[in-house]
Amino acid sequence: MRSVGAYEAKTHLPGLLDRVALGEQIIITRHGVPVAVLRPIDDRPAEDPRLVIDKIMAFRRGRRLDGISLRELIEEGRR
């Protein structure tokens, strides 16, 4: 993530906005201390929580651990 001073940000704002539009995040500092972040807007609409829960429940249907404990899965993942 690139960092620029407040004066540079003011002077070069159009160029910084072009970079942000391409997905980059830029930290703006004042005397070396971060004070703001320029980042792209997340323009995806938020999903209804009930629909998300329904999707999770549908995903879980039919999936079983078949006698394997959650602890065993955790330990397997650590290897």
N, C-alpha and C. Protein backbone atom coordinates (compact mmCIF):
# COMPACT_ATOMS: atom_id res chain seq x y z
N MET A 1 0.85 -1.16 0.00
CA MET A 1 0.00 0.00 0.00
C MET A 1 0.90 1.23 0.00
N ARG A 2 0.69 2.11 -0.94
CA ARG A 2 1.51 3.31 -1.07
C ARG A 2 1.10 4.35 -0.04
N SER A 3 2.05 5.14 0.40
CA SER A 3 1.80 6.20 1.38
C SER A 3 2.24 7.53 0.78
N VAL A 4 1.40 8.56 0.91
CA VAL A 4 1.74 9.90 0.42
C VAL A 4 1.40 10.92 1.49
N GLY A 5 2.14 12.02 1.47
CA GLY A 5 1.87 13.11 2.40
C GLY A 5 0.63 13.89 1.98
N ALA A 6 0.07 14.63 2.91
CA ALA A 6 -1.16 15.39 2.64
C ALA A 6 -0.96 16.41 1.53
N TYR A 7 0.18 17.10 1.51
CA TYR A 7 0.44 18.10 0.47
C TYR A 7 0.51 17.44 -0.90
N GLU A 8 1.23 16.31 -0.98
CA GLU A 8 1.33 15.58 -2.25
C GLU A 8 -0.04 15.08 -2.69
N ALA A 9 -0.83 14.61 -1.74
CA ALA A 9 -2.18 14.12 -2.07
C ALA A 9 -3.02 15.25 -2.65
N LYS A 10 -2.93 16.43 -2.04
CA LYS A 10 -3.69 17.58 -2.54
C LYS A 10 -3.23 17.97 -3.94
N THR A 11 -1.92 17.96 -4.13
CA THR A 11 -1.35 18.39 -5.40
C THR A 11 -1.61 17.39 -6.53
N HIS A 12 -1.60 16.10 -6.20
CA HIS A 12 -1.71 15.06 -7.22
C HIS A 12 -2.99 14.23 -7.10
N LEU A 13 -4.04 14.82 -6.56
CA LEU A 13 -5.28 14.07 -6.32
C LEU A 13 -5.82 13.37 -7.57
N PRO A 14 -5.90 14.03 -8.73
CA PRO A 14 -6.45 13.31 -9.91
C PRO A 14 -5.68 12.03 -10.24
N GLY A 15 -4.36 12.08 -10.16
CA GLY A 15 -3.55 10.89 -10.44
C GLY A 15 -3.76 9.81 -9.39
N LEU A 16 -3.88 10.23 -8.14
CA LEU A 16 -4.12 9.26 -7.07
C LEU A 16 -5.48 8.59 -7.26
N LEU A 17 -6.48 9.37 -7.65
CA LEU A 17 -7.81 8.80 -7.88
C LEU A 17 -7.80 7.81 -9.04
N ASP A 18 -6.98 8.08 -10.06
CA ASP A 18 -6.85 7.12 -11.16
C ASP A 18 -6.29 5.79 -10.65
N ARG A 19 -5.31 5.86 -9.77
CA ARG A 19 -4.71 4.64 -9.23
C ARG A 19 -5.70 3.89 -8.35
N VAL A 20 -6.47 4.64 -7.56
CA VAL A 20 -7.49 4.02 -6.71
C VAL A 20 -8.55 3.34 -7.57
N ALA A 21 -8.92 3.97 -8.67
CA ALA A 21 -9.92 3.38 -9.57
C ALA A 21 -9.45 2.05 -10.13
N LEU A 22 -8.13 1.84 -10.18
CA LEU A 22 -7.57 0.58 -10.66
C LEU A 22 -7.42 -0.46 -9.54
N GLY A 23 -7.84 -0.07 -8.31
CA GLY A 23 -7.85 -1.03 -7.23
C GLY A 23 -6.81 -0.80 -6.15
N GLU A 24 -5.94 0.18 -6.31
CA GLU A 24 -4.89 0.43 -5.33
C GLU A 24 -5.45 1.17 -4.11
N GLN A 25 -4.89 0.92 -2.96
CA GLN A 25 -5.21 1.67 -1.75
C GLN A 25 -4.03 2.56 -1.41
N ILE A 26 -4.31 3.80 -0.99
CA ILE A 26 -3.26 4.77 -0.71
C ILE A 26 -3.49 5.37 0.67
N ILE A 27 -2.44 5.36 1.49
CA ILE A 27 -2.51 5.96 2.82
C ILE A 27 -2.06 7.42 2.71
N ILE A 28 -2.82 8.32 3.29
CA ILE A 28 -2.44 9.73 3.33
C ILE A 28 -1.93 10.03 4.73
N THR A 29 -0.76 10.63 4.80
CA THR A 29 -0.14 10.92 6.08
C THR A 29 -0.02 12.43 6.29
N ARG A 30 0.05 12.81 7.54
CA ARG A 30 0.35 14.19 7.91
C ARG A 30 1.53 14.13 8.86
N HIS A 31 2.67 14.69 8.44
CA HIS A 31 3.91 14.64 9.21
C HIS A 31 4.29 13.19 9.55
N GLY A 32 4.07 12.30 8.58
CA GLY A 32 4.45 10.90 8.75
C GLY A 32 3.46 10.03 9.51
N VAL A 33 2.36 10.63 9.98
CA VAL A 33 1.36 9.89 10.74
C VAL A 33 0.15 9.60 9.84
N PRO A 34 -0.23 8.34 9.66
CA PRO A 34 -1.38 8.03 8.81
C PRO A 34 -2.66 8.68 9.34
N VAL A 35 -3.39 9.35 8.43
CA VAL A 35 -4.64 10.01 8.84
C VAL A 35 -5.84 9.57 7.99
N ALA A 36 -5.60 8.99 6.82
CA ALA A 36 -6.72 8.59 5.95
C ALA A 36 -6.25 7.53 4.97
N VAL A 37 -7.23 6.85 4.39
CA VAL A 37 -6.95 5.86 3.36
C VAL A 37 -7.86 6.14 2.17
N LEU A 38 -7.27 6.23 1.00
CA LEU A 38 -8.04 6.29 -0.24
C LEU A 38 -8.15 4.86 -0.74
N ARG A 39 -9.36 4.39 -0.94
CA ARG A 39 -9.55 3.03 -1.41
C ARG A 39 -10.76 2.98 -2.33
N PRO A 40 -10.82 1.98 -3.20
CA PRO A 40 -11.98 1.85 -4.07
C PRO A 40 -13.25 1.58 -3.26
N ILE A 41 -14.36 2.04 -3.76
CA ILE A 41 -15.64 1.77 -3.12
C ILE A 41 -16.06 0.35 -3.42
N ASP A 42 -16.53 -0.34 -2.40
CA ASP A 42 -17.06 -1.68 -2.59
C ASP A 42 -18.51 -1.51 -3.04
N ASP A 43 -18.74 -1.59 -4.34
CA ASP A 43 -20.06 -1.29 -4.87
C ASP A 43 -20.98 -2.51 -4.98
N ARG A 44 -20.55 -3.62 -4.38
CA ARG A 44 -21.44 -4.79 -4.37
C ARG A 44 -22.55 -4.55 -3.37
N PRO A 45 -23.79 -4.80 -3.74
CA PRO A 45 -24.89 -4.62 -2.77
C PRO A 45 -24.79 -5.67 -1.66
N ALA A 46 -25.11 -5.25 -0.46
CA ALA A 46 -25.07 -6.18 0.67
C ALA A 46 -26.21 -7.18 0.54
N GLU A 47 -25.90 -8.44 0.84
CA GLU A 47 -26.92 -9.48 0.76
C GLU A 47 -27.76 -9.49 2.03
N ASP A 48 -29.00 -9.88 1.86
CA ASP A 48 -29.90 -10.03 3.00
C ASP A 48 -29.37 -11.15 3.89
N PRO A 49 -29.17 -10.89 5.18
CA PRO A 49 -28.61 -11.91 6.07
C PRO A 49 -29.41 -13.22 6.06
N ARG A 50 -30.72 -13.14 5.92
CA ARG A 50 -31.53 -14.37 5.88
C ARG A 50 -31.18 -15.22 4.67
N LEU A 51 -30.93 -14.56 3.53
CA LEU A 51 -30.55 -15.31 2.33
C LEU A 51 -29.18 -15.96 2.50
N VAL A 52 -28.26 -15.26 3.15
CA VAL A 52 -26.93 -15.82 3.39
C VAL A 52 -27.04 -17.05 4.29
N ILE A 53 -27.84 -16.95 5.34
CA ILE A 53 -28.03 -18.08 6.24
C ILE A 53 -28.65 -19.26 5.50
N ASP A 54 -29.63 -18.99 4.64
CA ASP A 54 -30.24 -20.06 3.84
C ASP A 54 -29.21 -20.73 2.94
N LYS A 55 -28.31 -19.94 2.34
CA LYS A 55 -27.27 -20.50 1.48
C LYS A 55 -26.32 -21.39 2.27
N ILE A 56 -25.96 -20.95 3.47
CA ILE A 56 -25.07 -21.74 4.33
C ILE A 56 -25.74 -23.05 4.71
N MET A 57 -27.01 -22.98 5.10
CA MET A 57 -27.75 -24.18 5.49
C MET A 57 -27.86 -25.15 4.31
N ALA A 58 -28.12 -24.63 3.12
CA ALA A 58 -28.21 -25.48 1.93
C ALA A 58 -26.86 -26.14 1.64
N PHE A 59 -25.78 -25.41 1.83
CA PHE A 59 -24.45 -25.95 1.61
C PHE A 59 -24.15 -27.09 2.59
N ARG A 60 -24.59 -26.94 3.83
CA ARG A 60 -24.32 -27.94 4.86
C ARG A 60 -25.12 -29.22 4.69
N ARG A 61 -26.27 -29.14 4.05
CA ARG A 61 -27.11 -30.33 3.89
C ARG A 61 -26.36 -31.42 3.13
N GLY A 62 -26.36 -32.60 3.69
CA GLY A 62 -25.73 -33.74 3.02
C GLY A 62 -24.24 -33.86 3.27
N ARG A 63 -23.65 -32.94 4.00
CA ARG A 63 -22.22 -33.02 4.31
C ARG A 63 -22.06 -33.48 5.75
N ARG A 64 -21.41 -34.59 5.93
CA ARG A 64 -21.22 -35.17 7.26
C ARG A 64 -19.75 -35.46 7.48
N LEU A 65 -19.35 -35.53 8.74
CA LEU A 65 -17.97 -35.84 9.08
C LEU A 65 -17.72 -37.34 9.14
N ASP A 66 -18.77 -38.15 9.09
CA ASP A 66 -18.66 -39.61 9.08
C ASP A 66 -17.76 -40.14 10.19
N GLY A 67 -18.04 -39.73 11.43
CA GLY A 67 -17.33 -40.26 12.58
C GLY A 67 -16.03 -39.58 12.90
N ILE A 68 -15.56 -38.67 12.06
CA ILE A 68 -14.33 -37.95 12.35
C ILE A 68 -14.68 -36.78 13.26
N SER A 69 -13.90 -36.62 14.32
CA SER A 69 -14.18 -35.51 15.25
C SER A 69 -13.61 -34.22 14.70
N LEU A 70 -14.18 -33.13 15.15
CA LEU A 70 -13.69 -31.82 14.76
C LEU A 70 -12.24 -31.66 15.21
N ARG A 71 -11.90 -32.16 16.38
CA ARG A 71 -10.52 -32.08 16.89
C ARG A 71 -9.56 -32.78 15.93
N GLU A 72 -9.95 -33.95 15.41
CA GLU A 72 -9.09 -34.67 14.45
C GLU A 72 -8.86 -33.84 13.19
N LEU A 73 -9.91 -33.18 12.73
CA LEU A 73 -9.77 -32.34 11.54
C LEU A 73 -8.83 -31.17 11.80
N ILE A 74 -8.94 -30.58 12.98
CA ILE A 74 -8.06 -29.48 13.34
C ILE A 74 -6.62 -29.94 13.38
N GLU A 75 -6.38 -31.08 14.02
CA GLU A 75 -5.02 -31.60 14.11
C GLU A 75 -4.47 -31.95 12.74
N GLU A 76 -5.31 -32.50 11.86
CA GLU A 76 -4.89 -32.84 10.49
C GLU A 76 -4.48 -31.58 9.75
N GLY A 77 -5.20 -30.49 9.96
CA GLY A 77 -4.89 -29.23 9.30
C GLY A 77 -3.59 -28.61 9.77
N ARG A 78 -3.13 -28.99 10.95
CA ARG A 78 -1.89 -28.45 11.51
C ARG A 78 -0.66 -29.16 10.99
N ARG A 79 -0.83 -30.31 10.35
CA ARG A 79 0.32 -31.07 9.85
C ARG A 79 0.83 -30.51 8.57
